[in-house]
Amino acid sequence: MQPNSPSQHCLSCGGKLHGKYCSLCGEKVLDKNELSLQHVLGNLLNAFTFAESKLFKTIAILFKQPGRLSLDWTEGRRVKWMRPVAFFFMLNFLYFLFPMFQTFNTNYYNQVSGQNYSRWIVPLAEEKRSSLKLNIEEFAKVYNAESASYAKLLIVVFVFIQSLFLLLIFAFSKRFYAEHLAFAFEWSSFNLLVNAILLWLLALLLFYISGWFGINLNGMNDNTYSLIAMITNMAFMYLGGRLFYRLAGIRLILFSAASVFILFGSLLAYRLMLFLVTIYTL
């Protein structure tokens, strides 16, 4: 609506106005004071504090009741928390804003030597390197820069792979695919927050403190972080499976154990896809 408009009909849909809002489309009648700088700055402040409040509430419920975020979203209770998709992309932004673990951005040397499929992709990598006439160090540098940019875009594919695994496990249930997808977004948000961001900060703190006391932490390697990821994921899926999927007993235990295979299977498929996209676009 335009400010001070004498019209009794909505300027967006033509519906008759009742009060300050259109009863058909919800359009608000615009008051001239809403265009003032004071009002605009007030809206910005309210939006920031509201979003901040929702963020902390969402993080708290993620730890307190795994599965609640996606359960409430699928059942229509969506005011209290951030949407699972929005929460995921916010954490995704933070993850790529800082140089943390290379969980989703696998470098060249790790791709060609540290994955189950490495021996199958080496010929592709060598063929591309030869066509670009670069030595290994130069090619790795070019590859890593390109891979980092694609990793930010393709990480959402990782969530969809997880959701397909969940759909397969619960193929005979009456749940919609969107419900599995919502849970996959919450699960991936948990991994970004706990096993990427917080674990990275904890590792920095431990190495910093160990320097003060002369403690050697060189024994902490990828196997250590993988073990932590396995334990935290099984705990999340046990609690989340009980709340969101209503599992109990042996089915719940098997589901939480299977989550480790879903996680690493999805990660393997994602890394292979990332490699292929990066190689064929160099």
Foldseek 3Di string as FASTA:
>chain_A
DDAPDPDQADPPPRAGDDPQAGPPPGDGHDHPVCPDPVNVVVVVVVVVVLVVQQLVQQVVCCVVFQQPQLQCVVVPNDRRHDQLVVLLLVLLVVLLVDDWDCLQQDFDVCQLPVAPCNVVCVVLLVVLCVVVVHDPVVSRVLLSVLLSVVSSVLVLVLLVLLLVVVCVVPVVDPDDSVSSSSSSSSLSSCCSVVLIPVVRVVVVVVVVVCVVVVHDPPVDDPVNSLVVVLVVQLVSQLSSCCPNVVDDDPVSNVRSNCSSVSNVVSSSVSVVVSSVVSSVVD
